């Protein structure tokens, strides 16, 4: 079994932890000294669909054969706000 922790894509309460390193310290008790404030989870910064864009995003091809950013725009979920 590997000692590497799995990074959660959609944590239930991301504001309770610091996401700056693999220790996942509580926001009120940061042990790593990663600064004066906690590092936010990507879903707090970029929204719920944060994993659908960027370097690790899955590549999709639309029915007309397009791929890349134009194809990804068509599959974005509606905003929940």
N, C-alpha and C. Protein backbone atom coordinates (compact mmCIF):
# COMPACT_ATOMS: atom_id res chain seq x y z
N UNK A 1 0.84 -1.18 0.00
CA UNK A 1 0.00 0.00 0.00
C UNK A 1 0.88 1.24 0.00
N UNK A 2 0.54 2.20 -0.80
CA UNK A 2 1.31 3.43 -0.94
C UNK A 2 0.98 4.40 0.20
N UNK A 3 1.96 5.20 0.58
CA UNK A 3 1.76 6.19 1.63
C UNK A 3 1.22 7.50 1.08
N UNK A 4 1.03 7.59 -0.21
CA UNK A 4 0.55 8.82 -0.83
C UNK A 4 -0.95 8.96 -0.61
N UNK A 5 -1.37 10.15 -0.17
CA UNK A 5 -2.79 10.39 0.06
C UNK A 5 -3.47 10.77 -1.25
N UNK A 6 -4.71 10.37 -1.39
CA UNK A 6 -5.49 10.70 -2.57
C UNK A 6 -6.09 12.08 -2.37
N UNK A 7 -5.95 12.94 -3.35
CA UNK A 7 -6.48 14.30 -3.27
C UNK A 7 -7.96 14.27 -3.63
N UNK A 8 -8.83 14.69 -2.71
CA UNK A 8 -10.28 14.64 -2.98
C UNK A 8 -10.69 15.71 -4.00
N UNK A 9 -11.50 15.32 -4.97
CA UNK A 9 -11.95 16.25 -6.00
C UNK A 9 -13.05 17.17 -5.49
N UNK A 10 -13.95 16.65 -4.66
CA UNK A 10 -15.07 17.44 -4.15
C UNK A 10 -15.26 17.17 -2.66
N UNK A 11 -14.42 17.75 -1.80
CA UNK A 11 -14.57 17.51 -0.36
C UNK A 11 -15.86 18.14 0.17
N UNK A 12 -16.41 17.55 1.21
CA UNK A 12 -17.67 18.04 1.77
C UNK A 12 -17.52 19.42 2.41
N UNK A 13 -16.47 19.65 3.17
CA UNK A 13 -16.26 20.92 3.87
C UNK A 13 -14.82 21.38 3.64
N UNK A 14 -14.47 21.87 2.45
CA UNK A 14 -13.07 22.21 2.15
C UNK A 14 -12.52 23.35 3.01
N UNK A 15 -13.39 24.18 3.56
CA UNK A 15 -12.93 25.33 4.34
C UNK A 15 -12.33 24.93 5.69
N UNK A 16 -12.48 23.67 6.09
CA UNK A 16 -11.97 23.23 7.39
C UNK A 16 -10.51 22.81 7.36
N UNK A 17 -9.95 22.61 6.16
CA UNK A 17 -8.57 22.13 6.03
C UNK A 17 -7.70 23.09 5.24
N UNK A 18 -6.39 22.98 5.46
CA UNK A 18 -5.41 23.67 4.62
C UNK A 18 -4.97 22.67 3.56
N UNK A 19 -4.99 23.07 2.30
CA UNK A 19 -4.69 22.18 1.19
C UNK A 19 -3.30 22.44 0.61
N UNK A 20 -2.43 23.12 1.36
CA UNK A 20 -1.12 23.53 0.86
C UNK A 20 -0.09 22.42 0.74
N UNK A 21 -0.24 21.34 1.48
CA UNK A 21 0.68 20.21 1.39
C UNK A 21 -0.10 18.92 1.65
N UNK A 22 0.59 17.81 1.75
CA UNK A 22 -0.11 16.54 1.93
C UNK A 22 -0.44 16.21 3.38
N UNK A 23 -0.26 17.17 4.28
CA UNK A 23 -0.59 16.94 5.69
C UNK A 23 -2.07 17.23 5.97
N UNK A 24 -2.71 18.07 5.17
CA UNK A 24 -4.13 18.42 5.32
C UNK A 24 -4.46 18.83 6.76
N UNK A 25 -3.71 19.82 7.27
CA UNK A 25 -3.90 20.31 8.63
C UNK A 25 -5.25 21.01 8.76
N UNK A 26 -5.77 21.03 9.99
CA UNK A 26 -6.97 21.81 10.25
C UNK A 26 -6.64 23.28 10.04
N UNK A 27 -7.60 24.04 9.59
CA UNK A 27 -7.39 25.46 9.31
C UNK A 27 -7.01 26.23 10.58
N UNK A 28 -7.42 25.75 11.73
CA UNK A 28 -7.12 26.42 12.99
C UNK A 28 -5.84 25.93 13.64
N UNK A 29 -5.19 24.91 13.07
CA UNK A 29 -4.00 24.32 13.68
C UNK A 29 -3.04 23.83 12.59
N UNK A 30 -2.44 24.77 11.86
CA UNK A 30 -1.55 24.40 10.77
C UNK A 30 -0.15 24.10 11.31
N UNK A 31 0.34 22.91 11.04
CA UNK A 31 1.62 22.46 11.57
C UNK A 31 2.78 22.69 10.60
N UNK A 32 2.51 22.86 9.33
CA UNK A 32 3.61 22.92 8.36
C UNK A 32 4.20 24.32 8.22
N UNK A 33 3.55 25.35 8.72
CA UNK A 33 4.07 26.70 8.56
C UNK A 33 3.98 27.18 7.14
N UNK A 34 2.93 26.82 6.45
CA UNK A 34 2.74 27.15 5.05
C UNK A 34 2.26 28.58 4.85
N UNK A 35 2.56 29.45 5.77
CA UNK A 35 2.12 30.83 5.65
C UNK A 35 1.19 31.19 6.78
N UNK A 36 0.64 32.36 6.71
CA UNK A 36 -0.22 32.83 7.80
C UNK A 36 -1.68 32.44 7.60
N UNK A 37 -2.04 32.00 6.43
CA UNK A 37 -3.41 31.63 6.14
C UNK A 37 -3.41 30.28 5.42
N UNK A 38 -4.53 29.61 5.47
CA UNK A 38 -4.61 28.30 4.84
C UNK A 38 -4.67 28.42 3.33
N UNK A 39 -4.24 27.40 2.64
CA UNK A 39 -4.35 27.32 1.19
C UNK A 39 -5.71 26.74 0.85
N UNK A 40 -6.44 27.41 -0.01
CA UNK A 40 -7.78 26.95 -0.37
C UNK A 40 -7.74 25.77 -1.34
N UNK A 41 -8.80 24.97 -1.29
CA UNK A 41 -8.97 23.86 -2.22
C UNK A 41 -9.32 24.45 -3.59
N UNK A 42 -8.91 23.82 -4.69
CA UNK A 42 -9.24 24.35 -6.02
C UNK A 42 -10.73 24.57 -6.27
N UNK A 43 -11.61 23.77 -5.65
CA UNK A 43 -13.04 23.99 -5.87
C UNK A 43 -13.50 25.30 -5.23
N UNK A 44 -12.80 25.78 -4.21
CA UNK A 44 -13.12 27.07 -3.61
C UNK A 44 -12.67 28.22 -4.50
N UNK A 45 -11.59 28.00 -5.21
CA UNK A 45 -11.03 29.06 -6.07
C UNK A 45 -11.66 29.10 -7.46
N UNK A 46 -11.88 27.93 -8.06
CA UNK A 46 -12.28 27.86 -9.46
C UNK A 46 -13.68 27.33 -9.70
N UNK A 47 -14.37 26.88 -8.66
CA UNK A 47 -15.72 26.36 -8.82
C UNK A 47 -15.75 24.85 -8.86
N UNK A 48 -16.96 24.30 -8.88
CA UNK A 48 -17.17 22.86 -8.82
C UNK A 48 -16.58 22.10 -10.01
N UNK A 49 -16.45 22.75 -11.16
CA UNK A 49 -15.94 22.06 -12.35
C UNK A 49 -14.44 22.28 -12.54
N UNK A 50 -13.72 22.54 -11.47
CA UNK A 50 -12.31 22.88 -11.56
C UNK A 50 -11.47 21.77 -12.20
N UNK A 51 -11.86 20.52 -12.05
CA UNK A 51 -11.07 19.42 -12.60
C UNK A 51 -11.33 19.20 -14.08
N UNK A 52 -12.27 19.94 -14.68
CA UNK A 52 -12.60 19.72 -16.08
C UNK A 52 -11.76 20.56 -17.03
N UNK A 53 -10.86 21.37 -16.49
CA UNK A 53 -9.97 22.15 -17.36
C UNK A 53 -8.56 22.11 -16.78
N UNK A 54 -7.59 22.45 -17.58
CA UNK A 54 -6.19 22.42 -17.14
C UNK A 54 -5.43 21.28 -17.78
N UNK A 55 -4.23 21.06 -17.27
CA UNK A 55 -3.35 20.06 -17.87
C UNK A 55 -3.82 18.62 -17.65
N UNK A 56 -4.48 18.35 -16.52
CA UNK A 56 -4.92 17.00 -16.22
C UNK A 56 -6.35 16.72 -16.65
N UNK A 57 -6.97 17.63 -17.36
CA UNK A 57 -8.37 17.47 -17.77
C UNK A 57 -8.49 16.36 -18.81
N UNK A 58 -9.56 15.59 -18.73
CA UNK A 58 -9.78 14.55 -19.75
C UNK A 58 -10.08 15.20 -21.10
N UNK A 59 -9.49 14.67 -22.14
CA UNK A 59 -9.73 15.18 -23.49
C UNK A 59 -11.01 14.58 -24.05
N UNK A 60 -11.84 15.42 -24.62
CA UNK A 60 -13.06 14.95 -25.25
C UNK A 60 -13.09 15.41 -26.69
N UNK A 61 -13.78 14.66 -27.49
CA UNK A 61 -13.97 15.01 -28.89
C UNK A 61 -15.47 15.11 -29.13
N UNK A 62 -15.91 16.23 -29.70
CA UNK A 62 -17.33 16.43 -29.96
C UNK A 62 -17.74 15.66 -31.21
N UNK A 63 -19.03 15.67 -31.51
CA UNK A 63 -19.53 14.94 -32.67
C UNK A 63 -18.98 15.48 -33.98
N UNK A 64 -18.65 16.78 -34.01
CA UNK A 64 -18.10 17.34 -35.25
C UNK A 64 -16.59 17.19 -35.32
N UNK A 65 -15.98 16.46 -34.36
CA UNK A 65 -14.56 16.17 -34.43
C UNK A 65 -13.66 17.17 -33.72
N UNK A 66 -14.23 18.21 -33.13
CA UNK A 66 -13.38 19.18 -32.43
C UNK A 66 -12.93 18.61 -31.10
N UNK A 67 -11.74 19.01 -30.66
CA UNK A 67 -11.29 18.67 -29.33
C UNK A 67 -10.64 19.90 -28.71
N UNK A 68 -10.22 19.76 -27.45
CA UNK A 68 -9.58 20.88 -26.77
C UNK A 68 -10.57 21.79 -26.07
N UNK A 69 -10.18 23.07 -25.84
CA UNK A 69 -11.00 23.99 -25.06
C UNK A 69 -12.40 24.23 -25.63
N UNK A 70 -12.53 24.28 -26.95
CA UNK A 70 -13.84 24.51 -27.55
C UNK A 70 -14.79 23.35 -27.25
N UNK A 71 -14.27 22.14 -27.28
CA UNK A 71 -15.09 20.97 -26.99
C UNK A 71 -15.45 20.91 -25.51
N UNK A 72 -14.54 21.31 -24.64
CA UNK A 72 -14.80 21.27 -23.21
C UNK A 72 -15.86 22.28 -22.81
N UNK A 73 -15.93 23.42 -23.48
CA UNK A 73 -16.93 24.43 -23.15
C UNK A 73 -18.34 23.89 -23.31
N UNK A 74 -18.54 22.98 -24.25
CA UNK A 74 -19.87 22.44 -24.51
C UNK A 74 -20.32 21.45 -23.44
N UNK A 75 -19.39 20.88 -22.68
CA UNK A 75 -19.76 19.87 -21.70
C UNK A 75 -19.72 20.40 -20.27
N UNK A 76 -19.52 21.70 -20.06
CA UNK A 76 -19.51 22.25 -18.72
C UNK A 76 -20.90 22.16 -18.10
N UNK A 77 -20.96 21.76 -16.83
CA UNK A 77 -22.28 21.69 -16.18
C UNK A 77 -22.81 23.09 -15.92
N UNK A 78 -24.12 23.24 -15.77
CA UNK A 78 -24.69 24.56 -15.48
C UNK A 78 -24.26 25.04 -14.11
N UNK A 79 -24.19 26.33 -13.95
CA UNK A 79 -23.80 26.93 -12.68
C UNK A 79 -24.88 26.68 -11.63
N UNK A 80 -24.49 26.33 -10.42
CA UNK A 80 -25.44 26.02 -9.36
C UNK A 80 -25.75 27.21 -8.47
N UNK A 81 -25.23 28.36 -8.76
CA UNK A 81 -25.43 29.53 -7.87
C UNK A 81 -26.76 30.17 -8.03
